[in-house]
Amino acid sequence: DTAVYYCAASSGSSYINTSPTSYGAWGQGTQVT
């Protein structure tokens, strides 16, 4: 599970896309080790 974890936002939809390219806004990330 070690990784940099990012929060992301995309336009609202009942379908949840799992591709990062579908998300237009991102946080700076936080490291989890």
PDB file of all heavy atoms in Angstrom:
ATOM      1  N   ASP A   1       0.827  -1.211   0.000  1.00  0.00           N
ATOM      2  CA  ASP A   1       0.000   0.000   0.000  1.00  0.00           C
ATOM      3  C   ASP A   1       0.860   1.259   0.000  1.00  0.00           C
ATOM      4  O   ASP A   1       0.329   2.367  -0.115  1.00  0.00           O
ATOM      5  CB  ASP A   1      -0.927   0.031   1.218  1.00  0.00           C
ATOM      6  CG  ASP A   1      -1.961  -1.074   1.193  1.00  0.00           C
ATOM      7  OD1 ASP A   1      -2.539  -1.338   0.125  1.00  0.00           O
ATOM      8  OD2 ASP A   1      -2.205  -1.669   2.268  1.00  0.00           O
ATOM      9  N   THR A   2       2.162   1.082   0.146  1.00  0.00           N
ATOM     10  CA  THR A   2       3.075   2.227   0.142  1.00  0.00           C
ATOM     11  C   THR A   2       3.000   2.966  -1.190  1.00  0.00           C
ATOM     12  O   THR A   2       3.166   2.359  -2.261  1.00  0.00           O
ATOM     13  CB  THR A   2       4.515   1.762   0.403  1.00  0.00           C
ATOM     14  OG1 THR A   2       4.599   1.223   1.729  1.00  0.00           O
ATOM     15  CG2 THR A   2       5.492   2.915   0.256  1.00  0.00           C
ATOM     16  N   ALA A   3       2.714   4.259  -1.116  1.00  0.00           N
ATOM     17  CA  ALA A   3       2.545   5.066  -2.336  1.00  0.00           C
ATOM     18  C   ALA A   3       2.286   6.510  -1.922  1.00  0.00           C
ATOM     19  O   ALA A   3       2.047   6.801  -0.747  1.00  0.00           O
ATOM     20  CB  ALA A   3       1.373   4.558  -3.157  1.00  0.00           C
ATOM     21  N   VAL A   4       2.311   7.384  -2.917  1.00  0.00           N
ATOM     22  CA  VAL A   4       1.776   8.727  -2.728  1.00  0.00           C
ATOM     23  C   VAL A   4       0.293   8.659  -3.067  1.00  0.00           C
ATOM     24  O   VAL A   4      -0.070   8.156  -4.134  1.00  0.00           O
ATOM     25  CB  VAL A   4       2.484   9.758  -3.628  1.00  0.00           C
ATOM     26  CG1 VAL A   4       1.847  11.142  -3.449  1.00  0.00           C
ATOM     27  CG2 VAL A   4       3.978   9.805  -3.311  1.00  0.00           C
ATOM     28  N   TYR A   5      -0.532   9.126  -2.163  1.00  0.00           N
ATOM     29  CA  TYR A   5      -1.979   9.077  -2.345  1.00  0.00           C
ATOM     30  C   TYR A   5      -2.481  10.453  -2.760  1.00  0.00           C
ATOM     31  O   TYR A   5      -2.134  11.468  -2.147  1.00  0.00           O
ATOM     32  CB  TYR A   5      -2.658   8.630  -1.052  1.00  0.00           C
ATOM     33  CG  TYR A   5      -2.532   7.144  -0.818  1.00  0.00           C
ATOM     34  CD1 TYR A   5      -1.305   6.569  -0.484  1.00  0.00           C
ATOM     35  CD2 TYR A   5      -3.636   6.293  -0.974  1.00  0.00           C
ATOM     36  CE1 TYR A   5      -1.177   5.205  -0.307  1.00  0.00           C
ATOM     37  CE2 TYR A   5      -3.520   4.926  -0.788  1.00  0.00           C
ATOM     38  CZ  TYR A   5      -2.292   4.381  -0.455  1.00  0.00           C
ATOM     39  OH  TYR A   5      -2.170   3.026  -0.276  1.00  0.00           O
ATOM     40  N   TYR A   6      -3.305  10.453  -3.808  1.00  0.00           N
ATOM     41  CA  TYR A   6      -3.821  11.698  -4.374  1.00  0.00           C
ATOM     42  C   TYR A   6      -5.346  11.728  -4.303  1.00  0.00           C
ATOM     43  O   TYR A   6      -6.016  10.722  -4.568  1.00  0.00           O
ATOM     44  CB  TYR A   6      -3.426  11.831  -5.841  1.00  0.00           C
ATOM     45  CG  TYR A   6      -1.954  11.936  -6.088  1.00  0.00           C
ATOM     46  CD1 TYR A   6      -1.186  10.802  -6.314  1.00  0.00           C
ATOM     47  CD2 TYR A   6      -1.319  13.174  -6.113  1.00  0.00           C
ATOM     48  CE1 TYR A   6       0.170  10.890  -6.557  1.00  0.00           C
ATOM     49  CE2 TYR A   6       0.048  13.280  -6.361  1.00  0.00           C
ATOM     50  CZ  TYR A   6       0.775  12.129  -6.577  1.00  0.00           C
ATOM     51  OH  TYR A   6       2.126  12.233  -6.828  1.00  0.00           O
ATOM     52  N   CYS A   7      -5.876  12.890  -4.012  1.00  0.00           N
ATOM     53  CA  CYS A   7      -7.303  13.150  -4.098  1.00  0.00           C
ATOM     54  C   CYS A   7      -7.580  13.748  -5.477  1.00  0.00           C
ATOM     55  O   CYS A   7      -6.764  14.540  -5.991  1.00  0.00           O
ATOM     56  CB  CYS A   7      -7.683  14.148  -2.997  1.00  0.00           C
ATOM     57  SG  CYS A   7      -9.413  14.595  -2.934  1.00  0.00           S
ATOM     58  N   ALA A   8      -8.715  13.385  -6.074  1.00  0.00           N
ATOM     59  CA  ALA A   8      -9.039  13.881  -7.405  1.00  0.00           C
ATOM     60  C   ALA A   8     -10.534  14.121  -7.525  1.00  0.00           C
ATOM     61  O   ALA A   8     -11.328  13.507  -6.809  1.00  0.00           O
ATOM     62  CB  ALA A   8      -8.584  12.876  -8.458  1.00  0.00           C
ATOM     63  N   ALA A   9     -10.898  15.009  -8.451  1.00  0.00           N
ATOM     64  CA  ALA A   9     -12.306  15.319  -8.678  1.00  0.00           C
ATOM     65  C   ALA A   9     -12.613  15.288 -10.168  1.00  0.00           C
ATOM     66  O   ALA A   9     -11.772  15.661 -10.989  1.00  0.00           O
ATOM     67  CB  ALA A   9     -12.648  16.700  -8.109  1.00  0.00           C
ATOM     68  N   SER A  10     -13.824  14.840 -10.487  1.00  0.00           N
ATOM     69  CA  SER A  10     -14.266  14.852 -11.877  1.00  0.00           C
ATOM     70  C   SER A  10     -15.715  15.321 -11.921  1.00  0.00           C
ATOM     71  O   SER A  10     -16.378  15.408 -10.879  1.00  0.00           O
ATOM     72  CB  SER A  10     -14.162  13.456 -12.500  1.00  0.00           C
ATOM     73  OG  SER A  10     -15.141  12.598 -11.954  1.00  0.00           O
ATOM     74  N   SER A  11     -16.206  15.608 -13.103  1.00  0.00           N
ATOM     75  CA  SER A  11     -17.589  16.024 -13.255  1.00  0.00           C
ATOM     76  C   SER A  11     -18.512  14.950 -12.699  1.00  0.00           C
ATOM     77  O   SER A  11     -18.218  13.764 -12.789  1.00  0.00           O
ATOM     78  CB  SER A  11     -17.898  16.247 -14.733  1.00  0.00           C
ATOM     79  OG  SER A  11     -17.088  17.269 -15.254  1.00  0.00           O
ATOM     80  N   GLY A  12     -19.597  15.406 -12.122  1.00  0.00           N
ATOM     81  CA  GLY A  12     -20.508  14.487 -11.467  1.00  0.00           C
ATOM     82  C   GLY A  12     -21.158  13.503 -12.403  1.00  0.00           C
ATOM     83  O   GLY A  12     -21.547  13.833 -13.516  1.00  0.00           O
ATOM     84  N   SER A  13     -21.260  12.270 -11.975  1.00  0.00           N
ATOM     85  CA  SER A  13     -21.868  11.206 -12.760  1.00  0.00           C
ATOM     86  C   SER A  13     -22.211  10.064 -11.827  1.00  0.00           C
ATOM     87  O   SER A  13     -21.565   9.871 -10.794  1.00  0.00           O
ATOM     88  CB  SER A  13     -20.877  10.718 -13.827  1.00  0.00           C
ATOM     89  OG  SER A  13     -21.349   9.542 -14.452  1.00  0.00           O
ATOM     90  N   SER A  14     -23.213   9.283 -12.215  1.00  0.00           N
ATOM     91  CA  SER A  14     -23.513   8.081 -11.425  1.00  0.00           C
ATOM     92  C   SER A  14     -22.480   6.994 -11.700  1.00  0.00           C
ATOM     93  O   SER A  14     -22.343   6.054 -10.923  1.00  0.00           O
ATOM     94  CB  SER A  14     -24.915   7.573 -11.755  1.00  0.00           C
ATOM     95  OG  SER A  14     -25.025   7.274 -13.135  1.00  0.00           O
ATOM     96  N   TYR A  15     -21.744   7.130 -12.813  1.00  0.00           N
ATOM     97  CA  TYR A  15     -20.701   6.167 -13.153  1.00  0.00           C
ATOM     98  C   TYR A  15     -19.375   6.644 -12.579  1.00  0.00           C
ATOM     99  O   TYR A  15     -19.000   7.795 -12.732  1.00  0.00           O
ATOM    100  CB  TYR A  15     -20.575   6.019 -14.668  1.00  0.00           C
ATOM    101  CG  TYR A  15     -19.430   5.122 -15.087  1.00  0.00           C
ATOM    102  CD1 TYR A  15     -19.501   3.742 -14.902  1.00  0.00           C
ATOM    103  CD2 TYR A  15     -18.260   5.660 -15.632  1.00  0.00           C
ATOM    104  CE1 TYR A  15     -18.447   2.926 -15.255  1.00  0.00           C
ATOM    105  CE2 TYR A  15     -17.198   4.841 -15.986  1.00  0.00           C
ATOM    106  CZ  TYR A  15     -17.303   3.474 -15.796  1.00  0.00           C
ATOM    107  OH  TYR A  15     -16.252   2.657 -16.130  1.00  0.00           O
ATOM    108  N   ILE A  16     -18.665   5.747 -11.923  1.00  0.00           N
ATOM    109  CA  ILE A  16     -17.371   6.070 -11.338  1.00  0.00           C
ATOM    110  C   ILE A  16     -16.277   5.551 -12.254  1.00  0.00           C
ATOM    111  O   ILE A  16     -16.092   4.331 -12.399  1.00  0.00           O
ATOM    112  CB  ILE A  16     -17.225   5.463  -9.923  1.00  0.00           C
ATOM    113  CG1 ILE A  16     -18.244   6.107  -8.980  1.00  0.00           C
ATOM    114  CG2 ILE A  16     -15.804   5.682  -9.419  1.00  0.00           C
ATOM    115  CD1 ILE A  16     -18.264   5.498  -7.590  1.00  0.00           C
ATOM    116  N   ASN A  17     -15.558   6.472 -12.864  1.00  0.00           N
ATOM    117  CA  ASN A  17     -14.474   6.097 -13.758  1.00  0.00           C
ATOM    118  C   ASN A  17     -13.218   5.837 -12.955  1.00  0.00           C
ATOM    119  O   ASN A  17     -12.911   6.565 -12.019  1.00  0.00           O
ATOM    120  CB  ASN A  17     -14.242   7.222 -14.773  1.00  0.00           C
ATOM    121  CG  ASN A  17     -13.552   6.738 -16.025  1.00  0.00           C
ATOM    122  OD1 ASN A  17     -12.526   6.084 -15.955  1.00  0.00           O
ATOM    123  ND2 ASN A  17     -14.139   7.041 -17.162  1.00  0.00           N
ATOM    124  N   THR A  18     -12.494   4.797 -13.308  1.00  0.00           N
ATOM    125  CA  THR A  18     -11.282   4.462 -12.564  1.00  0.00           C
ATOM    126  C   THR A  18     -10.010   4.913 -13.270  1.00  0.00           C
ATOM    127  O   THR A  18      -8.911   4.679 -12.774  1.00  0.00           O
ATOM    128  CB  THR A  18     -11.196   2.946 -12.317  1.00  0.00           C
ATOM    129  OG1 THR A  18     -11.131   2.277 -13.576  1.00  0.00           O
ATOM    130  CG2 THR A  18     -12.383   2.449 -11.531  1.00  0.00           C
ATOM    131  N   SER A  19     -10.149   5.549 -14.424  1.00  0.00           N
ATOM    132  CA  SER A  19      -8.969   6.040 -15.131  1.00  0.00           C
ATOM    133  C   SER A  19      -8.587   7.424 -14.631  1.00  0.00           C
ATOM    134  O   SER A  19      -9.435   8.320 -14.567  1.00  0.00           O
ATOM    135  CB  SER A  19      -9.247   6.113 -16.629  1.00  0.00           C
ATOM    136  OG  SER A  19      -8.194   6.803 -17.289  1.00  0.00           O
ATOM    137  N   PRO A  20      -7.313   7.640 -14.297  1.00  0.00           N
ATOM    138  CA  PRO A  20      -6.903   8.969 -13.835  1.00  0.00           C
ATOM    139  C   PRO A  20      -7.114  10.055 -14.880  1.00  0.00           C
ATOM    140  O   PRO A  20      -7.266  11.235 -14.531  1.00  0.00           O
ATOM    141  CB  PRO A  20      -5.427   8.804 -13.480  1.00  0.00           C
ATOM    142  CG  PRO A  20      -4.988   7.547 -14.133  1.00  0.00           C
ATOM    143  CD  PRO A  20      -6.194   6.685 -14.256  1.00  0.00           C
ATOM    144  N   THR A  21      -7.161   9.695 -16.150  1.00  0.00           N
ATOM    145  CA  THR A  21      -7.342  10.703 -17.197  1.00  0.00           C
ATOM    146  C   THR A  21      -8.746  11.296 -17.176  1.00  0.00           C
ATOM    147  O   THR A  21      -8.985  12.331 -17.812  1.00  0.00           O
ATOM    148  CB  THR A  21      -7.051  10.116 -18.585  1.00  0.00           C
ATOM    149  OG1 THR A  21      -7.956   9.028 -18.823  1.00  0.00           O
ATOM    150  CG2 THR A  21      -5.626   9.608 -18.684  1.00  0.00           C
ATOM    151  N   SER A  22      -9.654  10.677 -16.453  1.00  0.00           N
ATOM    152  CA  SER A  22     -11.020  11.191 -16.356  1.00  0.00           C
ATOM    153  C   SER A  22     -11.182  12.238 -15.272  1.00  0.00           C
ATOM    154  O   SER A  22     -12.256  12.811 -15.131  1.00  0.00           O
ATOM    155  CB  SER A  22     -11.994  10.040 -16.075  1.00  0.00           C
ATOM    156  OG  SER A  22     -11.991   9.118 -17.145  1.00  0.00           O
ATOM    157  N   TYR A  23     -10.152  12.476 -14.509  1.00  0.00           N
ATOM    158  CA  TYR A  23     -10.205  13.409 -13.395  1.00  0.00           C
ATOM    159  C   TYR A  23      -9.391  14.653 -13.725  1.00  0.00           C
ATOM    160  O   TYR A  23      -8.203  14.547 -14.057  1.00  0.00           O
ATOM    161  CB  TYR A  23      -9.710  12.732 -12.113  1.00  0.00           C
ATOM    162  CG  TYR A  23     -10.659  11.645 -11.655  1.00  0.00           C
ATOM    163  CD1 TYR A  23     -10.648  10.386 -12.255  1.00  0.00           C
ATOM    164  CD2 TYR A  23     -11.599  11.881 -10.649  1.00  0.00           C
ATOM    165  CE1 TYR A  23     -11.543   9.399 -11.874  1.00  0.00           C
ATOM    166  CE2 TYR A  23     -12.492  10.887 -10.256  1.00  0.00           C
ATOM    167  CZ  TYR A  23     -12.451   9.659 -10.873  1.00  0.00           C
ATOM    168  OH  TYR A  23     -13.338   8.684 -10.501  1.00  0.00           O
ATOM    169  N   GLY A  24     -10.036  15.804 -13.629  1.00  0.00           N
ATOM    170  CA  GLY A  24      -9.383  17.038 -14.071  1.00  0.00           C
ATOM    171  C   GLY A  24      -8.746  17.847 -12.964  1.00  0.00           C
ATOM    172  O   GLY A  24      -7.975  18.773 -13.235  1.00  0.00           O
ATOM    173  N   ALA A  25      -9.057  17.523 -11.719  1.00  0.00           N
ATOM    174  CA  ALA A  25      -8.496  18.280 -10.600  1.00  0.00           C
ATOM    175  C   ALA A  25      -7.804  17.324  -9.651  1.00  0.00           C
ATOM    176  O   ALA A  25      -8.354  16.257  -9.337  1.00  0.00           O
ATOM    177  CB  ALA A  25      -9.594  19.042  -9.878  1.00  0.00           C
ATOM    178  N   TRP A  26      -6.632  17.722  -9.182  1.00  0.00           N
ATOM    179  CA  TRP A  26      -5.817  16.853  -8.337  1.00  0.00           C
ATOM    180  C   TRP A  26      -5.221  17.647  -7.177  1.00  0.00           C
ATOM    181  O   TRP A  26      -4.909  18.838  -7.314  1.00  0.00           O
ATOM    182  CB  TRP A  26      -4.666  16.254  -9.146  1.00  0.00           C
ATOM    183  CG  TRP A  26      -5.128  15.292 -10.194  1.00  0.00           C
ATOM    184  CD1 TRP A  26      -5.532  15.592 -11.466  1.00  0.00           C
ATOM    185  CD2 TRP A  26      -5.247  13.880 -10.052  1.00  0.00           C
ATOM    186  NE1 TRP A  26      -5.906  14.445 -12.131  1.00  0.00           N
ATOM    187  CE2 TRP A  26      -5.731  13.381 -11.279  1.00  0.00           C
ATOM    188  CE3 TRP A  26      -4.990  12.990  -9.014  1.00  0.00           C
ATOM    189  CZ2 TRP A  26      -5.968  12.019 -11.489  1.00  0.00           C
ATOM    190  CZ3 TRP A  26      -5.220  11.640  -9.215  1.00  0.00           C
ATOM    191  CH2 TRP A  26      -5.704  11.166 -10.453  1.00  0.00           C
ATOM    192  N   GLY A  27      -5.040  16.942  -6.067  1.00  0.00           N
ATOM    193  CA  GLY A  27      -4.290  17.506  -4.965  1.00  0.00           C
ATOM    194  C   GLY A  27      -2.805  17.263  -5.166  1.00  0.00           C
ATOM    195  O   GLY A  27      -2.380  16.673  -6.165  1.00  0.00           O
ATOM    196  N   GLN A  28      -2.010  17.695  -4.187  1.00  0.00           N
ATOM    197  CA  GLN A  28      -0.556  17.598  -4.311  1.00  0.00           C
ATOM    198  C   GLN A  28      -0.033  16.227  -3.886  1.00  0.00           C
ATOM    199  O   GLN A  28       1.128  15.903  -4.152  1.00  0.00           O
ATOM    200  CB  GLN A  28       0.121  18.698  -3.479  1.00  0.00           C
ATOM    201  CG  GLN A  28       0.279  18.412  -1.986  1.00  0.00           C
ATOM    202  CD  GLN A  28      -1.039  18.445  -1.216  1.00  0.00           C
ATOM    203  OE1 GLN A  28      -2.075  18.833  -1.724  1.00  0.00           O
ATOM    204  NE2 GLN A  28      -0.981  18.032   0.057  1.00  0.00           N
ATOM    205  N   GLY A  29      -0.859  15.443  -3.215  1.00  0.00           N
ATOM    206  CA  GLY A  29      -0.468  14.109  -2.783  1.00  0.00           C
ATOM    207  C   GLY A  29       0.065  14.075  -1.368  1.00  0.00           C
ATOM    208  O   GLY A  29       0.595  15.071  -0.850  1.00  0.00           O
ATOM    209  N   THR A  30      -0.078  12.924  -0.735  1.00  0.00           N
ATOM    210  CA  THR A  30       0.463  12.706   0.599  1.00  0.00           C
ATOM    211  C   THR A  30       1.081  11.315   0.637  1.00  0.00           C
ATOM    212  O   THR A  30       0.506  10.351   0.146  1.00  0.00           O
ATOM    213  CB  THR A  30      -0.625  12.894   1.681  1.00  0.00           C
ATOM    214  OG1 THR A  30      -0.035  12.781   2.981  1.00  0.00           O
ATOM    215  CG2 THR A  30      -1.754  11.870   1.567  1.00  0.00           C
ATOM    216  N   GLN A  31       2.267  11.215   1.213  1.00  0.00           N
ATOM    217  CA  GLN A  31       3.012   9.948   1.210  1.00  0.00           C
ATOM    218  C   GLN A  31       2.522   9.021   2.314  1.00  0.00           C
ATOM    219  O   GLN A  31       2.389   9.429   3.480  1.00  0.00           O
ATOM    220  CB  GLN A  31       4.507  10.225   1.409  1.00  0.00           C
ATOM    221  CG  GLN A  31       5.371   8.978   1.527  1.00  0.00           C
ATOM    222  CD  GLN A  31       5.510   8.233   0.206  1.00  0.00           C
ATOM    223  OE1 GLN A  31       5.766   8.834  -0.830  1.00  0.00           O
ATOM    224  NE2 GLN A  31       5.349   6.911   0.249  1.00  0.00           N
ATOM    225  N   VAL A  32       2.279   7.778   1.944  1.00  0.00           N
ATOM    226  CA  VAL A  32       1.964   6.723   2.899  1.00  0.00           C
ATOM    227  C   VAL A  32       3.030   5.649   2.756  1.00  0.00           C
ATOM    228  O   VAL A  32       3.259   5.142   1.657  1.00  0.00           O
ATOM    229  CB  VAL A  32       0.566   6.131   2.644  1.00  0.00           C
ATOM    230  CG1 VAL A  32       0.348   4.894   3.513  1.00  0.00           C
ATOM    231  CG2 VAL A  32      -0.511   7.166   2.912  1.00  0.00           C
ATOM    232  N   THR A  33       3.684   5.335   3.859  1.00  0.00           N
ATOM    233  CA  THR A  33       4.720   4.305   3.856  1.00  0.00           C
ATOM    234  C   THR A  33       4.370   3.256   4.893  1.00  0.00           C
ATOM    235  O   THR A  33       4.151   3.580   6.068  1.00  0.00           O
ATOM    236  CB  THR A  33       6.097   4.899   4.172  1.00  0.00           C
ATOM    237  OG1 THR A  33       6.395   5.932   3.211  1.00  0.00           O
ATOM    238  CG2 THR A  33       7.169   3.834   4.096  1.00  0.00           C
TER     239      THR A  33
END
